[in-house]
Amino acid sequence: MEFVSRAVCPKLWAATDRLNRTKKTPAALRARRRRKGQILGLVNWIMALLLLPTAFLTPDSLLLSIAGGLCLGAGVVELWRYLPKTLGILSLLAGIFFLSAVLGDPDEMAILVYLAAQYLIVALASLLVRRRRDPFERAARKVLAGRDRADFAAGKADMQVIFSEETMTVNTSGNASAQFPYTDFKQVLETQDLLLVIFDKRFLILQKKDLTAGTVSDLRDFLKERVEHWVEIIDNGLLGS
């Protein structure tokens, strides 16, 4: 799909590739930010839980209302981002608690029904709204889940790949063998260390360092004559040929 999209929207993809080349935040720093966001979200949510009931039940408590509202807003934003299910469960419990307080003493606690409604709305939104997921992740999981069921490999069997003039032959340590004509090849993606061969609704990952005969350059030239789409992946960008 990306190949087709790149052919239709080359300028958009060129801009995307430039953005992807920018230096990414280290994983350790992202993990620390995530943990910090989770802690701040929980702290703000708990502060709101303590401040808002007092603000609702105490006359002339404008400052408490403002502080509680700000804490609730900050807590919901951080938890929605990092712990949406936790936010939903905590808000549901808080909403049920305040609603029970109202039912237990309607005369004194009636005002808390508005607070209960707020928490229940947040809970429903957190638990029912589904995050948008990358559709390619689902397809990748399906492919990886079935990687051991290929008819020419079993588990982690050692594999030998032989490129002849007409076909690619795959042999495994279990004495299984299969041949695939180059007419079945869709694309070959090349990175600095790997060749990803896509053929006949399958894919095969080859490490350049495992080449036992000839050179990578010779293999590249040989396959380019037989494969319609060859794509080099360099610095997060694609160079098609």
C-alpha atoms as a PDB file:
ATOM      1  CA  MET A   1       0.000   0.000   0.000  1.00  0.00           C
ATOM      2  CA  GLU A   2       2.852   2.344   0.754  1.00  0.00           C
ATOM      3  CA  PHE A   3       4.410   1.660  -2.659  1.00  0.00           C
ATOM      4  CA  VAL A   4       1.162   2.645  -4.387  1.00  0.00           C
ATOM      5  CA  SER A   5       0.765   5.703  -2.162  1.00  0.00           C
ATOM      6  CA  ARG A   6       4.316   6.835  -2.911  1.00  0.00           C
ATOM      7  CA  ALA A   7       3.653   6.581  -6.646  1.00  0.00           C
ATOM      8  CA  VAL A   8       0.454   8.652  -6.334  1.00  0.00           C
ATOM      9  CA  CYS A   9       1.704  11.244  -3.794  1.00  0.00           C
ATOM     10  CA  PRO A  10       5.495  11.569  -4.252  1.00  0.00           C
ATOM     11  CA  LYS A  11       5.745  15.109  -2.830  1.00  0.00           C
ATOM     12  CA  LEU A  12       3.818  14.214   0.313  1.00  0.00           C
ATOM     13  CA  TRP A  13       6.035  11.192   0.907  1.00  0.00           C
ATOM     14  CA  ALA A  14       9.163  13.256   0.276  1.00  0.00           C
ATOM     15  CA  ALA A  15       8.081  15.599   3.069  1.00  0.00           C
ATOM     16  CA  THR A  16       7.285  12.609   5.291  1.00  0.00           C
ATOM     17  CA  ASP A  17      10.730  11.120   4.678  1.00  0.00           C
ATOM     18  CA  ARG A  18      12.381  14.427   5.613  1.00  0.00           C
ATOM     19  CA  LEU A  19      10.446  14.482   8.875  1.00  0.00           C
ATOM     20  CA  ASN A  20      11.348  10.861   9.604  1.00  0.00           C
ATOM     21  CA  ARG A  21      15.037  11.657   9.257  1.00  0.00           C
ATOM     22  CA  THR A  22      14.909  14.022  12.248  1.00  0.00           C
ATOM     23  CA  LYS A  23      16.528  12.714  15.407  1.00  0.00           C
ATOM     24  CA  LYS A  24      14.050  10.790  17.550  1.00  0.00           C
ATOM     25  CA  THR A  25      13.757  11.076  21.326  1.00  0.00           C
ATOM     26  CA  PRO A  26      15.683   8.211  23.005  1.00  0.00           C
ATOM     27  CA  ALA A  27      13.532   5.360  24.262  1.00  0.00           C
ATOM     28  CA  ALA A  28      14.809   5.781  27.846  1.00  0.00           C
ATOM     29  CA  LEU A  29      13.739   9.427  27.861  1.00  0.00           C
ATOM     30  CA  ARG A  30      10.311   8.549  26.439  1.00  0.00           C
ATOM     31  CA  ALA A  31       9.886   5.935  29.169  1.00  0.00           C
ATOM     32  CA  ARG A  32      10.750   8.497  31.863  1.00  0.00           C
ATOM     33  CA  ARG A  33       8.277  10.978  30.387  1.00  0.00           C
ATOM     34  CA  ARG A  34       5.598   8.319  30.314  1.00  0.00           C
ATOM     35  CA  ARG A  35       6.209   7.385  33.955  1.00  0.00           C
ATOM     36  CA  LYS A  36       6.209  11.044  34.962  1.00  0.00           C
ATOM     37  CA  GLY A  37       2.938  11.603  33.116  1.00  0.00           C
ATOM     38  CA  GLN A  38       1.337   8.606  34.819  1.00  0.00           C
ATOM     39  CA  ILE A  39       2.383   9.797  38.286  1.00  0.00           C
ATOM     40  CA  LEU A  40       1.290  13.392  37.676  1.00  0.00           C
ATOM     41  CA  GLY A  41      -2.023  12.174  36.298  1.00  0.00           C
ATOM     42  CA  LEU A  42      -2.746  10.051  39.347  1.00  0.00           C
ATOM     43  CA  VAL A  43      -1.695  12.806  41.761  1.00  0.00           C
ATOM     44  CA  ASN A  44      -3.902  15.400  40.037  1.00  0.00           C
ATOM     45  CA  TRP A  45      -6.832  12.999  39.854  1.00  0.00           C
ATOM     46  CA  ILE A  46      -6.580  12.211  43.585  1.00  0.00           C
ATOM     47  CA  MET A  47      -6.281  15.913  44.457  1.00  0.00           C
ATOM     48  CA  ALA A  48      -9.431  16.603  42.458  1.00  0.00           C
ATOM     49  CA  LEU A  49     -11.197  13.765  44.275  1.00  0.00           C
ATOM     50  CA  LEU A  50     -10.373  15.461  47.594  1.00  0.00           C
ATOM     51  CA  LEU A  51     -11.045  19.060  46.581  1.00  0.00           C
ATOM     52  CA  LEU A  52     -14.188  18.866  44.466  1.00  0.00           C
ATOM     53  CA  PRO A  53     -16.572  17.293  47.020  1.00  0.00           C
ATOM     54  CA  THR A  54     -15.576  19.945  49.565  1.00  0.00           C
ATOM     55  CA  ALA A  55     -16.053  22.664  46.955  1.00  0.00           C
ATOM     56  CA  PHE A  56     -19.511  21.347  46.035  1.00  0.00           C
ATOM     57  CA  LEU A  57     -20.670  21.065  49.653  1.00  0.00           C
ATOM     58  CA  THR A  58     -19.130  24.295  50.964  1.00  0.00           C
ATOM     59  CA  PRO A  59     -20.750  27.605  50.063  1.00  0.00           C
ATOM     60  CA  ASP A  60     -18.532  30.367  48.675  1.00  0.00           C
ATOM     61  CA  SER A  61     -15.690  27.978  47.796  1.00  0.00           C
ATOM     62  CA  LEU A  62     -14.691  29.457  44.463  1.00  0.00           C
ATOM     63  CA  LEU A  63     -10.972  28.859  44.937  1.00  0.00           C
ATOM     64  CA  LEU A  64     -11.510  25.224  45.844  1.00  0.00           C
ATOM     65  CA  SER A  65     -13.736  24.803  42.795  1.00  0.00           C
ATOM     66  CA  ILE A  66     -11.121  26.307  40.495  1.00  0.00           C
ATOM     67  CA  ALA A  67      -8.282  24.273  42.013  1.00  0.00           C
ATOM     68  CA  GLY A  68     -10.307  21.072  41.920  1.00  0.00           C
ATOM     69  CA  GLY A  69     -11.387  21.672  38.342  1.00  0.00           C
ATOM     70  CA  LEU A  70      -7.806  22.311  37.224  1.00  0.00           C
ATOM     71  CA  CYS A  71      -6.574  19.173  39.007  1.00  0.00           C
ATOM     72  CA  LEU A  72      -9.346  17.092  37.474  1.00  0.00           C
ATOM     73  CA  GLY A  73      -8.649  18.436  34.002  1.00  0.00           C
ATOM     74  CA  ALA A  74      -4.893  17.829  34.285  1.00  0.00           C
ATOM     75  CA  GLY A  75      -5.443  14.373  35.759  1.00  0.00           C
ATOM     76  CA  VAL A  76      -7.890  13.344  33.052  1.00  0.00           C
ATOM     77  CA  VAL A  77      -5.598  14.566  30.266  1.00  0.00           C
ATOM     78  CA  GLU A  78      -2.523  12.740  31.572  1.00  0.00           C
ATOM     79  CA  LEU A  79      -4.340   9.516  32.445  1.00  0.00           C
ATOM     80  CA  TRP A  80      -6.267   9.541  29.153  1.00  0.00           C
ATOM     81  CA  ARG A  81      -2.923   9.699  27.400  1.00  0.00           C
ATOM     82  CA  TYR A  82      -1.013   7.123  29.404  1.00  0.00           C
ATOM     83  CA  LEU A  83      -3.499   5.048  31.474  1.00  0.00           C
ATOM     84  CA  PRO A  84      -6.938   5.245  29.831  1.00  0.00           C
ATOM     85  CA  LYS A  85      -8.287   2.031  31.357  1.00  0.00           C
ATOM     86  CA  THR A  86      -7.106   3.045  34.823  1.00  0.00           C
ATOM     87  CA  LEU A  87      -8.793   6.417  34.344  1.00  0.00           C
ATOM     88  CA  GLY A  88     -12.011   4.697  33.354  1.00  0.00           C
ATOM     89  CA  ILE A  89     -12.050   2.323  36.320  1.00  0.00           C
ATOM     90  CA  LEU A  90     -11.142   4.996  38.884  1.00  0.00           C
ATOM     91  CA  SER A  91     -13.705   7.440  37.503  1.00  0.00           C
ATOM     92  CA  LEU A  92     -16.392   4.749  37.474  1.00  0.00           C
ATOM     93  CA  LEU A  93     -15.720   3.928  41.127  1.00  0.00           C
ATOM     94  CA  ALA A  94     -15.725   7.618  42.054  1.00  0.00           C
ATOM     95  CA  GLY A  95     -18.978   8.215  40.193  1.00  0.00           C
ATOM     96  CA  ILE A  96     -20.642   5.246  41.903  1.00  0.00           C
ATOM     97  CA  PHE A  97     -19.364   6.432  45.303  1.00  0.00           C
ATOM     98  CA  PHE A  98     -20.744   9.959  44.903  1.00  0.00           C
ATOM     99  CA  LEU A  99     -24.020   8.622  43.512  1.00  0.00           C
ATOM    100  CA  SER A 100     -24.330   6.323  46.538  1.00  0.00           C
ATOM    101  CA  ALA A 101     -23.707   9.282  48.832  1.00  0.00           C
ATOM    102  CA  VAL A 102     -26.514  11.183  47.134  1.00  0.00           C
ATOM    103  CA  LEU A 103     -28.911   8.256  47.476  1.00  0.00           C
ATOM    104  CA  GLY A 104     -27.944   7.787  51.110  1.00  0.00           C
ATOM    105  CA  ASP A 105     -28.637  11.386  52.111  1.00  0.00           C
ATOM    106  CA  PRO A 106     -30.522  13.204  49.340  1.00  0.00           C
ATOM    107  CA  ASP A 107     -31.165  16.311  51.434  1.00  0.00           C
ATOM    108  CA  GLU A 108     -27.515  17.051  52.229  1.00  0.00           C
ATOM    109  CA  MET A 109     -25.707  15.415  49.310  1.00  0.00           C
ATOM    110  CA  ALA A 110     -27.992  16.210  46.373  1.00  0.00           C
ATOM    111  CA  ILE A 111     -25.451  18.627  44.911  1.00  0.00           C
ATOM    112  CA  LEU A 112     -22.970  15.767  44.478  1.00  0.00           C
ATOM    113  CA  VAL A 113     -25.123  14.275  41.724  1.00  0.00           C
ATOM    114  CA  TYR A 114     -23.462  16.734  39.312  1.00  0.00           C
ATOM    115  CA  LEU A 115     -20.021  15.586  40.434  1.00  0.00           C
ATOM    116  CA  ALA A 116     -21.056  11.941  40.073  1.00  0.00           C
ATOM    117  CA  ALA A 117     -22.284  12.660  36.557  1.00  0.00           C
ATOM    118  CA  GLN A 118     -18.922  14.201  35.605  1.00  0.00           C
ATOM    119  CA  TYR A 119     -16.975  11.177  36.786  1.00  0.00           C
ATOM    120  CA  LEU A 120     -19.371   8.740  35.131  1.00  0.00           C
ATOM    121  CA  ILE A 121     -19.082  10.586  31.810  1.00  0.00           C
ATOM    122  CA  VAL A 122     -15.279  10.442  32.021  1.00  0.00           C
ATOM    123  CA  ALA A 123     -15.489   6.736  32.887  1.00  0.00           C
ATOM    124  CA  LEU A 124     -17.741   5.916  29.947  1.00  0.00           C
ATOM    125  CA  ALA A 125     -15.553   7.889  27.557  1.00  0.00           C
ATOM    126  CA  SER A 126     -12.375   6.203  28.801  1.00  0.00           C
ATOM    127  CA  LEU A 127     -13.766   2.670  28.721  1.00  0.00           C
ATOM    128  CA  LEU A 128     -15.861   2.808  25.571  1.00  0.00           C
ATOM    129  CA  VAL A 129     -13.856   5.030  23.219  1.00  0.00           C
ATOM    130  CA  ARG A 130     -11.381   2.884  21.332  1.00  0.00           C
ATOM    131  CA  ARG A 131      -8.001   4.222  20.408  1.00  0.00           C
ATOM    132  CA  ARG A 132      -7.251   4.293  16.720  1.00  0.00           C
ATOM    133  CA  ARG A 133      -4.726   1.614  15.847  1.00  0.00           C
ATOM    134  CA  ASP A 134      -2.401   1.359  12.912  1.00  0.00           C
ATOM    135  CA  PRO A 135      -4.059  -1.119  10.511  1.00  0.00           C
ATOM    136  CA  PHE A 136      -0.630  -2.329   9.437  1.00  0.00           C
ATOM    137  CA  GLU A 137       0.106  -3.548  12.984  1.00  0.00           C
ATOM    138  CA  ARG A 138      -2.779  -6.024  12.811  1.00  0.00           C
ATOM    139  CA  ALA A 139      -1.550  -7.338   9.462  1.00  0.00           C
ATOM    140  CA  ALA A 140       2.013  -7.608  10.783  1.00  0.00           C
ATOM    141  CA  ARG A 141       0.864  -9.567  13.837  1.00  0.00           C
ATOM    142  CA  LYS A 142      -1.017 -11.968  11.578  1.00  0.00           C
ATOM    143  CA  VAL A 143       2.025 -12.514   9.397  1.00  0.00           C
ATOM    144  CA  LEU A 144       4.369 -13.036  12.356  1.00  0.00           C
ATOM    145  CA  ALA A 145       1.906 -15.345  14.104  1.00  0.00           C
ATOM    146  CA  GLY A 146       1.979 -17.647  11.089  1.00  0.00           C
ATOM    147  CA  ARG A 147       5.686 -17.455  10.363  1.00  0.00           C
ATOM    148  CA  ASP A 148       6.318 -20.961  11.698  1.00  0.00           C
ATOM    149  CA  ARG A 149       3.610 -22.505   9.528  1.00  0.00           C
ATOM    150  CA  ALA A 150       5.340 -21.857   6.221  1.00  0.00           C
ATOM    151  CA  ASP A 151       5.434 -24.960   4.073  1.00  0.00           C
ATOM    152  CA  PHE A 152       9.197 -24.747   3.612  1.00  0.00           C
ATOM    153  CA  ALA A 153      10.230 -24.115   7.219  1.00  0.00           C
ATOM    154  CA  ALA A 154       9.426 -25.371  10.684  1.00  0.00           C
ATOM    155  CA  GLY A 155      10.217 -23.433  13.832  1.00  0.00           C
ATOM    156  CA  LYS A 156      13.795 -22.223  13.860  1.00  0.00           C
ATOM    157  CA  ALA A 157      15.144 -24.662  11.334  1.00  0.00           C
ATOM    158  CA  ASP A 158      18.340 -23.647   9.559  1.00  0.00           C
ATOM    159  CA  MET A 159      17.714 -22.565   6.003  1.00  0.00           C
ATOM    160  CA  GLN A 160      19.675 -22.411   2.774  1.00  0.00           C
ATOM    161  CA  VAL A 161      18.557 -20.221  -0.105  1.00  0.00           C
ATOM    162  CA  ILE A 162      19.912 -20.836  -3.590  1.00  0.00           C
ATOM    163  CA  PHE A 163      19.326 -18.415  -6.468  1.00  0.00           C
ATOM    164  CA  SER A 164      19.491 -20.080  -9.882  1.00  0.00           C
ATOM    165  CA  GLU A 165      18.729 -18.665 -13.298  1.00  0.00           C
ATOM    166  CA  GLU A 166      14.995 -19.448 -13.174  1.00  0.00           C
ATOM    167  CA  THR A 167      14.029 -20.066  -9.548  1.00  0.00           C
ATOM    168  CA  MET A 168      14.850 -19.468  -5.920  1.00  0.00           C
ATOM    169  CA  THR A 169      15.251 -22.739  -4.014  1.00  0.00           C
ATOM    170  CA  VAL A 170      14.771 -22.883  -0.237  1.00  0.00           C
ATOM    171  CA  ASN A 171      16.172 -25.849   1.672  1.00  0.00           C
ATOM    172  CA  THR A 172      15.800 -26.432   5.415  1.00  0.00           C
ATOM    173  CA  SER A 173      17.606 -28.668   7.879  1.00  0.00           C
ATOM    174  CA  GLY A 174      14.515 -30.868   7.955  1.00  0.00           C
ATOM    175  CA  ASN A 175      15.252 -31.876   4.323  1.00  0.00           C
ATOM    176  CA  ALA A 176      12.284 -29.840   3.120  1.00  0.00           C
ATOM    177  CA  SER A 177      12.722 -28.061  -0.183  1.00  0.00           C
ATOM    178  CA  ALA A 178      10.661 -25.625  -2.217  1.00  0.00           C
ATOM    179  CA  GLN A 179      11.210 -23.711  -5.436  1.00  0.00           C
ATOM    180  CA  PHE A 180       9.767 -20.319  -6.348  1.00  0.00           C
ATOM    181  CA  PRO A 181      10.033 -18.822  -9.840  1.00  0.00           C
ATOM    182  CA  TYR A 182      11.015 -15.180 -10.099  1.00  0.00           C
ATOM    183  CA  THR A 183       7.687 -14.462 -11.750  1.00  0.00           C
ATOM    184  CA  ASP A 184       6.155 -14.885  -8.262  1.00  0.00           C
ATOM    185  CA  PHE A 185       8.381 -12.155  -6.807  1.00  0.00           C
ATOM    186  CA  LYS A 186       6.619  -8.909  -5.907  1.00  0.00           C
ATOM    187  CA  GLN A 187       9.317  -6.735  -4.366  1.00  0.00           C
ATOM    188  CA  VAL A 188      12.730  -6.884  -2.770  1.00  0.00           C
ATOM    189  CA  LEU A 189      13.509  -4.414   0.000  1.00  0.00           C
ATOM    190  CA  GLU A 190      17.151  -3.792   0.804  1.00  0.00           C
ATOM    191  CA  THR A 191      18.489  -2.268   4.017  1.00  0.00           C
ATOM    192  CA  GLN A 192      22.053  -1.878   5.165  1.00  0.00           C
ATOM    193  CA  ASP A 193      22.155  -5.415   6.555  1.00  0.00           C
ATOM    194  CA  LEU A 194      19.141  -7.261   5.125  1.00  0.00           C
ATOM    195  CA  LEU A 195      17.273  -8.281   2.008  1.00  0.00           C
ATOM    196  CA  LEU A 196      13.509  -8.711   2.424  1.00  0.00           C
ATOM    197  CA  VAL A 197      12.170 -10.826  -0.451  1.00  0.00           C
ATOM    198  CA  ILE A 198       8.374 -10.683  -0.957  1.00  0.00           C
ATOM    199  CA  PHE A 199       6.992 -13.443  -3.171  1.00  0.00           C
ATOM    200  CA  ASP A 200       3.896 -15.581  -3.630  1.00  0.00           C
ATOM    201  CA  LYS A 201       2.126 -14.143  -0.518  1.00  0.00           C
ATOM    202  CA  ARG A 202       5.235 -14.909   1.530  1.00  0.00           C
ATOM    203  CA  PHE A 203       8.286 -13.036   2.680  1.00  0.00           C
ATOM    204  CA  LEU A 204      11.843 -14.111   3.388  1.00  0.00           C
ATOM    205  CA  ILE A 205      14.428 -12.155   5.388  1.00  0.00           C
ATOM    206  CA  LEU A 206      18.043 -12.714   4.345  1.00  0.00           C
ATOM    207  CA  GLN A 207      21.052 -11.348   6.196  1.00  0.00           C
ATOM    208  CA  LYS A 208      23.776 -10.097   3.910  1.00  0.00           C
ATOM    209  CA  LYS A 209      26.461 -11.407   6.253  1.00  0.00           C
ATOM    210  CA  ASP A 210      25.166 -14.963   5.706  1.00  0.00           C
ATOM    211  CA  LEU A 211      25.983 -14.903   1.979  1.00  0.00           C
ATOM    212  CA  THR A 212      28.249 -17.895   1.285  1.00  0.00           C
ATOM    213  CA  ALA A 213      28.943 -17.491  -2.440  1.00  0.00           C
ATOM    214  CA  GLY A 214      29.530 -14.402  -4.547  1.00  0.00           C
ATOM    215  CA  THR A 215      29.060 -10.837  -3.338  1.00  0.00           C
ATOM    216  CA  VAL A 216      26.067  -8.792  -2.271  1.00  0.00           C
ATOM    217  CA  SER A 217      26.597  -6.542  -5.266  1.00  0.00           C
ATOM    218  CA  ASP A 218      26.468  -9.516  -7.642  1.00  0.00           C
ATOM    219  CA  LEU A 219      23.296 -10.813  -5.984  1.00  0.00           C
ATOM    220  CA  ARG A 220      21.714  -7.375  -6.154  1.00  0.00           C
ATOM    221  CA  ASP A 221      22.448  -7.039  -9.882  1.00  0.00           C
ATOM    222  CA  PHE A 222      21.226 -10.603 -10.508  1.00  0.00           C
ATOM    223  CA  LEU A 223      17.893 -10.064  -8.748  1.00  0.00           C
ATOM    224  CA  LYS A 224      17.278  -6.591 -10.174  1.00  0.00           C
ATOM    225  CA  GLU A 225      17.197  -8.150 -13.640  1.00  0.00           C
ATOM    226  CA  ARG A 226      14.413 -10.500 -12.530  1.00  0.00           C
ATOM    227  CA  VAL A 227      12.381  -8.506  -9.997  1.00  0.00           C
ATOM    228  CA  GLU A 228      10.178  -5.627 -11.058  1.00  0.00           C
ATOM    229  CA  HIS A 229      10.328  -3.608  -7.821  1.00  0.00           C
ATOM    230  CA  TRP A 230      13.537  -3.116  -5.873  1.00  0.00           C
ATOM    231  CA  VAL A 231      13.436  -0.713  -2.962  1.00  0.00           C
ATOM    232  CA  GLU A 232      16.390   0.524  -0.948  1.00  0.00           C
ATOM    233  CA  ILE A 233      15.616   1.667   2.583  1.00  0.00           C
ATOM    234  CA  ILE A 234      18.114   4.320   3.615  1.00  0.00           C
ATOM    235  CA  ASP A 235      17.828   6.553   6.710  1.00  0.00           C
ATOM    236  CA  ASN A 236      14.103   5.804   7.090  1.00  0.00           C
ATOM    237  CA  GLY A 237      13.456   6.767   3.487  1.00  0.00           C
ATOM    238  CA  LEU A 238      12.706   4.633   0.422  1.00  0.00           C
ATOM    239  CA  LEU A 239      14.508   4.734  -2.882  1.00  0.00           C
ATOM    240  CA  GLY A 240      12.615   2.763  -5.518  1.00  0.00           C
ATOM    241  CA  SER A 241      14.070   1.301  -8.673  1.00  0.00           C
END
